[in-house]
Amino acid sequence: MALLWNPRPSSSVPVAPLKLVLRTVIIMFTTLVAMLLPFFNAVLGLIGALGFWPLSVYFPVSMHIARLSIRRGEGRWWSLQAMSFVCLLISLAASIGSVQDIVHNLKTATPFKTVD
């Protein structure tokens, strides 16, 4: 009868060379992009602002409404929809601010230069 569970843990850690190389290349590429784009934080802010409302608010609220069978037009439904709308406005404002920051930084961008 073969053992399905080894009671003694392995003393070595398996390393996948391809995974190690790919992770290193991704980190190097991200660092290069961050150095080339002095407004990299604004780009990340834009991505975060665009992803905030649907992933953190809209889908969870929709799932909550469906799970609890909240009927359309009830007080709880209206309050959840109002909260979702306010978060949408916040996400849109953050997106507009990030785009404005990107446009402002594009006018004065000089790659690999530091500000004195």
Protein backbone atom coordinates (compact mmCIF):
# COMPACT_ATOMS: atom_id res chain seq x y z
CA MET A 1 0.00 0.00 0.00
CA ALA A 2 1.47 3.31 -1.06
CA LEU A 3 1.63 6.25 1.30
CA LEU A 4 -0.49 9.16 0.15
CA TRP A 5 0.83 11.52 2.80
CA ASN A 6 4.50 11.93 3.60
CA PRO A 7 4.88 12.46 7.37
CA ARG A 8 8.34 14.00 6.93
CA PRO A 9 8.36 17.40 5.22
CA SER A 10 10.76 17.97 2.38
CA SER A 11 13.91 19.85 3.31
CA SER A 12 14.19 21.63 -0.03
CA VAL A 13 12.02 24.34 -1.50
CA PRO A 14 11.05 23.78 -5.13
CA VAL A 15 12.05 26.66 -7.38
CA ALA A 16 10.65 27.07 -10.85
CA PRO A 17 13.37 28.81 -12.90
CA LEU A 18 10.95 30.14 -15.51
CA LYS A 19 8.69 31.66 -12.85
CA LEU A 20 11.69 33.27 -11.16
CA VAL A 21 12.92 34.78 -14.45
CA LEU A 22 9.46 36.02 -15.46
CA ARG A 23 8.85 37.69 -12.10
CA THR A 24 12.24 39.37 -12.28
CA VAL A 25 11.54 40.64 -15.82
CA ILE A 26 8.13 41.99 -14.76
CA ILE A 27 9.67 43.86 -11.81
CA MET A 28 12.40 45.30 -14.06
CA PHE A 29 9.82 46.38 -16.66
CA THR A 30 7.62 48.04 -14.04
CA THR A 31 10.62 49.86 -12.59
CA LEU A 32 11.67 51.05 -16.06
CA VAL A 33 8.17 52.34 -16.81
CA ALA A 34 8.11 54.14 -13.44
CA MET A 35 11.45 55.79 -14.26
CA LEU A 36 10.37 56.80 -17.76
CA LEU A 37 7.05 58.23 -16.67
CA PRO A 38 7.44 60.77 -13.90
CA PHE A 39 3.65 60.75 -13.61
CA PHE A 40 3.45 56.99 -12.99
CA ASN A 41 1.55 57.61 -9.75
CA ALA A 42 -1.14 59.49 -11.67
CA VAL A 43 -1.50 56.56 -14.08
CA LEU A 44 -1.86 54.15 -11.15
CA GLY A 45 -4.39 56.54 -9.60
CA LEU A 46 -6.42 56.52 -12.81
CA ILE A 47 -6.42 52.73 -12.94
CA GLY A 48 -7.44 52.57 -9.29
CA ALA A 49 -10.18 55.16 -9.74
CA LEU A 50 -11.62 53.33 -12.74
CA GLY A 51 -11.61 50.01 -10.92
CA PHE A 52 -12.87 51.24 -7.54
CA TRP A 53 -16.58 51.65 -8.22
CA PRO A 54 -17.38 48.50 -10.19
CA LEU A 55 -15.20 46.14 -8.18
CA SER A 56 -15.61 47.54 -4.68
CA VAL A 57 -19.14 48.94 -4.76
CA TYR A 58 -21.40 48.03 -7.70
CA PHE A 59 -20.87 44.25 -7.89
CA PRO A 60 -20.88 43.66 -4.10
CA VAL A 61 -24.02 45.79 -3.67
CA SER A 62 -25.74 43.95 -6.53
CA MET A 63 -24.82 40.60 -5.00
CA HIS A 64 -26.08 41.75 -1.60
CA ILE A 65 -29.39 42.86 -3.08
CA ALA A 66 -29.79 39.55 -4.94
CA ARG A 67 -28.76 37.43 -1.93
CA LEU A 68 -31.18 39.11 0.47
CA SER A 69 -33.91 39.40 -2.19
CA ILE A 70 -34.34 43.12 -1.61
CA ARG A 71 -37.17 44.33 -3.82
CA ARG A 72 -36.78 47.32 -6.08
CA GLY A 73 -38.21 50.44 -4.52
CA GLU A 74 -37.80 49.40 -0.87
CA GLY A 75 -36.04 51.74 1.53
CA ARG A 76 -33.00 49.49 1.77
CA TRP A 77 -32.81 49.29 -2.02
CA TRP A 78 -32.91 53.10 -2.32
CA SER A 79 -30.23 53.54 0.35
CA LEU A 80 -27.92 51.00 -1.31
CA GLN A 81 -28.44 52.63 -4.70
CA ALA A 82 -27.75 56.08 -3.22
CA MET A 83 -24.52 54.83 -1.64
CA SER A 84 -23.49 53.26 -4.94
CA PHE A 85 -24.22 56.52 -6.79
CA VAL A 86 -22.17 58.59 -4.32
CA CYS A 87 -19.25 56.18 -4.73
CA LEU A 88 -19.61 56.45 -8.51
CA LEU A 89 -19.34 60.23 -8.26
CA ILE A 90 -16.24 59.91 -6.08
CA SER A 91 -14.70 57.50 -8.58
CA LEU A 92 -15.46 59.86 -11.47
CA ALA A 93 -13.95 62.81 -9.60
CA ALA A 94 -10.80 60.80 -8.86
CA SER A 95 -10.57 59.79 -12.53
CA ILE A 96 -10.90 63.39 -13.67
CA GLY A 97 -8.22 64.45 -11.19
CA SER A 98 -5.85 61.72 -12.38
CA VAL A 99 -6.38 62.63 -16.04
CA GLN A 100 -5.75 66.30 -15.21
CA ASP A 101 -2.55 65.34 -13.40
CA ILE A 102 -1.39 63.20 -16.35
CA VAL A 103 -2.06 66.03 -18.83
CA HIS A 104 -0.26 68.53 -16.60
CA ASN A 105 2.76 66.26 -16.21
CA LEU A 106 2.90 65.43 -19.93
CA LYS A 107 3.59 69.10 -20.67
CA THR A 108 6.75 69.14 -18.56
CA ALA A 109 7.86 65.50 -18.75
CA THR A 110 11.58 64.84 -19.18
CA PRO A 111 12.49 61.17 -18.78
CA PHE A 112 15.38 60.28 -16.45
CA LYS A 113 15.61 63.83 -15.09
CA THR A 114 15.29 64.70 -11.44
CA VAL A 115 13.73 67.85 -10.13
CA ASP A 116 16.16 70.05 -8.19
